[in-house]
Amino acid sequence: MTEMAIVNIDTSEPTRWEMPATRTSAPSVAKRSREVERGEVLDDLLRLGEDDVEECLASLTTMQRLVLQHLACGYLNKQIAYRCGISLATTKSHISQVIHKMRSHCRTEAAVKYALHMQRQAHTADLERCAKTGACGRLSEDVAM
């Protein structure tokens, strides 16, 4: 079986160590890519209701939630371990638990579910603030001018 290296490069801040590539088989990447192209993965994520995500997040420990936040930012295991002040083995254990509790198949899926949830919350907060202040109407009137 042919293996392909997938490297996540984060240029937002310097790192103090070499980042190893994640090894995965080419057929699994190709299969997942076809699913993404057909929109199947996103459809599955969007079908997950907000209540389901809330329930999943409520089941996470404080450290698991912190690890999930770092996953959603795209950090690698080594970076997460360093930022959380825990060992690499503990980080991997937390990631496994996060994937399981978020009812996900992989770390990326768990991170996307979390990111979508946070985006929905921010949007809802904006709408509530808009409704309270009436700023939406004024903004639309200003734009129309």
C-alpha atoms as a PDB file:
ATOM      1  CA  MET A   1       0.000   0.000   0.000  1.00  0.00           C
ATOM      2  CA  THR A   2       1.334   3.428  -0.922  1.00  0.00           C
ATOM      3  CA  GLU A   3       1.716   5.871   1.946  1.00  0.00           C
ATOM      4  CA  MET A   4       1.489   9.593   1.646  1.00  0.00           C
ATOM      5  CA  ALA A   5       2.645  12.199   4.146  1.00  0.00           C
ATOM      6  CA  ILE A   6       0.225  14.956   5.085  1.00  0.00           C
ATOM      7  CA  VAL A   7       1.904  17.962   6.681  1.00  0.00           C
ATOM      8  CA  ASN A   8       0.019  20.702   8.470  1.00  0.00           C
ATOM      9  CA  ILE A   9       2.108  23.869   8.377  1.00  0.00           C
ATOM     10  CA  ASP A  10       1.143  26.572  10.845  1.00  0.00           C
ATOM     11  CA  THR A  11       3.000  29.769  10.053  1.00  0.00           C
ATOM     12  CA  SER A  12       1.105  31.911  12.567  1.00  0.00           C
ATOM     13  CA  GLU A  13       3.814  31.461  15.177  1.00  0.00           C
ATOM     14  CA  PRO A  14       7.302  30.025  15.346  1.00  0.00           C
ATOM     15  CA  THR A  15       7.839  26.576  16.821  1.00  0.00           C
ATOM     16  CA  ARG A  16      10.807  25.156  18.699  1.00  0.00           C
ATOM     17  CA  TRP A  17      10.736  21.683  17.250  1.00  0.00           C
ATOM     18  CA  GLU A  18      10.452  19.762  14.012  1.00  0.00           C
ATOM     19  CA  MET A  19       6.893  18.765  13.159  1.00  0.00           C
ATOM     20  CA  PRO A  20       6.561  15.151  12.048  1.00  0.00           C
ATOM     21  CA  ALA A  21       4.273  14.394   9.125  1.00  0.00           C
ATOM     22  CA  THR A  22       1.077  12.449   9.756  1.00  0.00           C
ATOM     23  CA  ARG A  23       1.240   9.124   7.905  1.00  0.00           C
ATOM     24  CA  THR A  24      -1.873   7.845   6.219  1.00  0.00           C
ATOM     25  CA  SER A  25      -2.579   5.533   3.351  1.00  0.00           C
ATOM     26  CA  ALA A  26      -3.273   7.017  -0.064  1.00  0.00           C
ATOM     27  CA  PRO A  27      -6.502   5.022  -0.601  1.00  0.00           C
ATOM     28  CA  SER A  28      -8.068   6.349   2.615  1.00  0.00           C
ATOM     29  CA  VAL A  29      -7.175   9.929   1.683  1.00  0.00           C
ATOM     30  CA  ALA A  30      -8.556   9.444  -1.832  1.00  0.00           C
ATOM     31  CA  LYS A  31     -11.798   7.952  -0.476  1.00  0.00           C
ATOM     32  CA  ARG A  32     -12.268  10.801   2.006  1.00  0.00           C
ATOM     33  CA  SER A  33     -11.473  13.338  -0.721  1.00  0.00           C
ATOM     34  CA  ARG A  34     -14.213  11.899  -2.935  1.00  0.00           C
ATOM     35  CA  GLU A  35     -16.643  12.113  -0.014  1.00  0.00           C
ATOM     36  CA  VAL A  36     -15.682  15.751   0.533  1.00  0.00           C
ATOM     37  CA  GLU A  37     -16.085  16.530  -3.187  1.00  0.00           C
ATOM     38  CA  ARG A  38     -19.583  15.062  -3.147  1.00  0.00           C
ATOM     39  CA  GLY A  39     -20.420  17.098  -0.043  1.00  0.00           C
ATOM     40  CA  GLU A  40     -21.164  14.012   2.046  1.00  0.00           C
ATOM     41  CA  VAL A  41     -18.883  14.930   4.936  1.00  0.00           C
ATOM     42  CA  LEU A  42     -20.212  18.467   5.292  1.00  0.00           C
ATOM     43  CA  ASP A  43     -23.786  17.235   4.992  1.00  0.00           C
ATOM     44  CA  ASP A  44     -23.176  14.818   7.876  1.00  0.00           C
ATOM     45  CA  LEU A  45     -21.684  17.578  10.004  1.00  0.00           C
ATOM     46  CA  LEU A  46     -24.484  20.025   9.267  1.00  0.00           C
ATOM     47  CA  ARG A  47     -27.122  17.395  10.076  1.00  0.00           C
ATOM     48  CA  LEU A  48     -25.781  17.138  13.609  1.00  0.00           C
ATOM     49  CA  GLY A  49     -28.159  19.272  15.648  1.00  0.00           C
ATOM     50  CA  GLU A  50     -27.043  21.999  18.010  1.00  0.00           C
ATOM     51  CA  ASP A  51     -28.486  20.068  20.959  1.00  0.00           C
ATOM     52  CA  ASP A  52     -26.337  17.068  20.022  1.00  0.00           C
ATOM     53  CA  VAL A  53     -23.186  19.195  19.984  1.00  0.00           C
ATOM     54  CA  GLU A  54     -24.127  20.791  23.311  1.00  0.00           C
ATOM     55  CA  GLU A  55     -24.592  17.330  24.800  1.00  0.00           C
ATOM     56  CA  CYS A  56     -21.234  16.180  23.427  1.00  0.00           C
ATOM     57  CA  LEU A  57     -19.429  19.267  24.726  1.00  0.00           C
ATOM     58  CA  ALA A  58     -21.045  18.898  28.144  1.00  0.00           C
ATOM     59  CA  SER A  59     -19.544  15.407  28.425  1.00  0.00           C
ATOM     60  CA  LEU A  60     -15.980  16.717  27.960  1.00  0.00           C
ATOM     61  CA  THR A  61     -13.686  17.429  30.895  1.00  0.00           C
ATOM     62  CA  THR A  62     -12.072  20.863  31.168  1.00  0.00           C
ATOM     63  CA  MET A  63      -8.781  19.546  29.759  1.00  0.00           C
ATOM     64  CA  GLN A  64     -10.527  17.682  26.934  1.00  0.00           C
ATOM     65  CA  ARG A  65     -12.328  20.881  25.994  1.00  0.00           C
ATOM     66  CA  LEU A  66      -9.037  22.785  25.995  1.00  0.00           C
ATOM     67  CA  VAL A  67      -7.480  20.107  23.782  1.00  0.00           C
ATOM     68  CA  LEU A  68     -10.483  20.359  21.436  1.00  0.00           C
ATOM     69  CA  GLN A  69     -10.034  24.129  21.204  1.00  0.00           C
ATOM     70  CA  HIS A  70      -6.407  23.593  20.192  1.00  0.00           C
ATOM     71  CA  LEU A  71      -7.466  20.948  17.672  1.00  0.00           C
ATOM     72  CA  ALA A  72      -9.896  23.435  16.152  1.00  0.00           C
ATOM     73  CA  CYS A  73      -6.994  25.885  15.793  1.00  0.00           C
ATOM     74  CA  GLY A  74      -5.096  23.258  13.802  1.00  0.00           C
ATOM     75  CA  TYR A  75      -2.344  22.502  16.306  1.00  0.00           C
ATOM     76  CA  LEU A  76      -0.456  19.220  16.206  1.00  0.00           C
ATOM     77  CA  ASN A  77      -0.266  16.826  19.169  1.00  0.00           C
ATOM     78  CA  LYS A  78       3.192  18.060  20.159  1.00  0.00           C
ATOM     79  CA  GLN A  79       2.050  21.683  20.102  1.00  0.00           C
ATOM     80  CA  ILE A  80      -1.074  20.882  22.125  1.00  0.00           C
ATOM     81  CA  ALA A  81       1.005  19.014  24.720  1.00  0.00           C
ATOM     82  CA  TYR A  82       3.378  21.971  25.049  1.00  0.00           C
ATOM     83  CA  ARG A  83       0.567  24.543  25.298  1.00  0.00           C
ATOM     84  CA  CYS A  84      -1.405  22.512  27.863  1.00  0.00           C
ATOM     85  CA  GLY A  85       1.651  21.509  29.887  1.00  0.00           C
ATOM     86  CA  ILE A  86       0.912  17.788  29.581  1.00  0.00           C
ATOM     87  CA  SER A  87       2.783  14.831  28.100  1.00  0.00           C
ATOM     88  CA  LEU A  88       2.382  13.740  24.511  1.00  0.00           C
ATOM     89  CA  ALA A  89       0.841  10.437  25.674  1.00  0.00           C
ATOM     90  CA  THR A  90      -1.733  12.304  27.773  1.00  0.00           C
ATOM     91  CA  THR A  91      -2.497  14.566  24.819  1.00  0.00           C
ATOM     92  CA  LYS A  92      -3.128  11.561  22.583  1.00  0.00           C
ATOM     93  CA  SER A  93      -5.390  10.055  25.240  1.00  0.00           C
ATOM     94  CA  HIS A  94      -7.400  13.277  25.518  1.00  0.00           C
ATOM     95  CA  ILE A  95      -7.715  13.482  21.724  1.00  0.00           C
ATOM     96  CA  SER A  96      -9.017   9.907  21.571  1.00  0.00           C
ATOM     97  CA  GLN A  97     -11.600  10.693  24.238  1.00  0.00           C
ATOM     98  CA  VAL A  98     -12.609  13.925  22.481  1.00  0.00           C
ATOM     99  CA  ILE A  99     -13.117  12.070  19.190  1.00  0.00           C
ATOM    100  CA  HIS A 100     -15.235   9.441  20.950  1.00  0.00           C
ATOM    101  CA  LYS A 101     -17.309  11.894  23.003  1.00  0.00           C
ATOM    102  CA  MET A 102     -17.880  14.185  20.001  1.00  0.00           C
ATOM    103  CA  ARG A 103     -19.171  11.133  18.070  1.00  0.00           C
ATOM    104  CA  SER A 104     -16.571  11.754  15.387  1.00  0.00           C
ATOM    105  CA  HIS A 105     -14.455   9.529  13.176  1.00  0.00           C
ATOM    106  CA  CYS A 106     -11.300  11.634  13.324  1.00  0.00           C
ATOM    107  CA  ARG A 107      -9.769  14.673  14.984  1.00  0.00           C
ATOM    108  CA  THR A 108     -10.634  16.921  12.034  1.00  0.00           C
ATOM    109  CA  GLU A 109     -14.315  16.027  12.233  1.00  0.00           C
ATOM    110  CA  ALA A 110     -14.378  16.782  15.973  1.00  0.00           C
ATOM    111  CA  ALA A 111     -12.626  20.109  15.368  1.00  0.00           C
ATOM    112  CA  VAL A 112     -15.063  21.075  12.584  1.00  0.00           C
ATOM    113  CA  LYS A 113     -18.075  20.220  14.758  1.00  0.00           C
ATOM    114  CA  TYR A 114     -16.655  22.410  17.508  1.00  0.00           C
ATOM    115  CA  ALA A 115     -15.835  25.266  15.107  1.00  0.00           C
ATOM    116  CA  LEU A 116     -19.334  25.169  13.563  1.00  0.00           C
ATOM    117  CA  HIS A 117     -20.856  25.164  17.048  1.00  0.00           C
ATOM    118  CA  MET A 118     -18.790  28.198  18.081  1.00  0.00           C
ATOM    119  CA  GLN A 119     -19.684  29.974  14.840  1.00  0.00           C
ATOM    120  CA  ARG A 120     -23.405  29.357  15.448  1.00  0.00           C
ATOM    121  CA  GLN A 121     -23.088  30.660  19.001  1.00  0.00           C
ATOM    122  CA  ALA A 122     -21.326  33.821  17.837  1.00  0.00           C
ATOM    123  CA  HIS A 123     -23.946  34.381  15.134  1.00  0.00           C
ATOM    124  CA  THR A 124     -26.787  33.893  17.621  1.00  0.00           C
ATOM    125  CA  ALA A 125     -25.145  36.337  20.049  1.00  0.00           C
ATOM    126  CA  ASP A 126     -24.794  38.897  17.238  1.00  0.00           C
ATOM    127  CA  LEU A 127     -28.468  38.535  16.321  1.00  0.00           C
ATOM    128  CA  GLU A 128     -29.549  38.927  19.958  1.00  0.00           C
ATOM    129  CA  ARG A 129     -27.352  42.009  20.404  1.00  0.00           C
ATOM    130  CA  CYS A 130     -28.712  43.396  17.151  1.00  0.00           C
ATOM    131  CA  ALA A 131     -32.309  42.844  18.252  1.00  0.00           C
ATOM    132  CA  LYS A 132     -31.713  44.503  21.652  1.00  0.00           C
ATOM    133  CA  THR A 133     -29.939  47.563  20.311  1.00  0.00           C
ATOM    134  CA  GLY A 134     -31.850  47.964  17.079  1.00  0.00           C
ATOM    135  CA  ALA A 135     -28.495  48.404  15.361  1.00  0.00           C
ATOM    136  CA  CYS A 136     -29.485  46.116  12.499  1.00  0.00           C
ATOM    137  CA  GLY A 137     -32.115  48.516  11.215  1.00  0.00           C
ATOM    138  CA  ARG A 138     -29.819  51.517  11.422  1.00  0.00           C
ATOM    139  CA  LEU A 139     -27.007  49.614   9.770  1.00  0.00           C
ATOM    140  CA  SER A 140     -29.187  48.531   6.858  1.00  0.00           C
ATOM    141  CA  GLU A 141     -30.496  52.088   6.446  1.00  0.00           C
ATOM    142  CA  ASP A 142     -26.921  53.460   6.418  1.00  0.00           C
ATOM    143  CA  VAL A 143     -25.887  50.901   3.821  1.00  0.00           C
ATOM    144  CA  ALA A 144     -28.902  51.703   1.642  1.00  0.00           C
ATOM    145  CA  MET A 145     -27.884  55.375   1.448  1.00  0.00           C
END
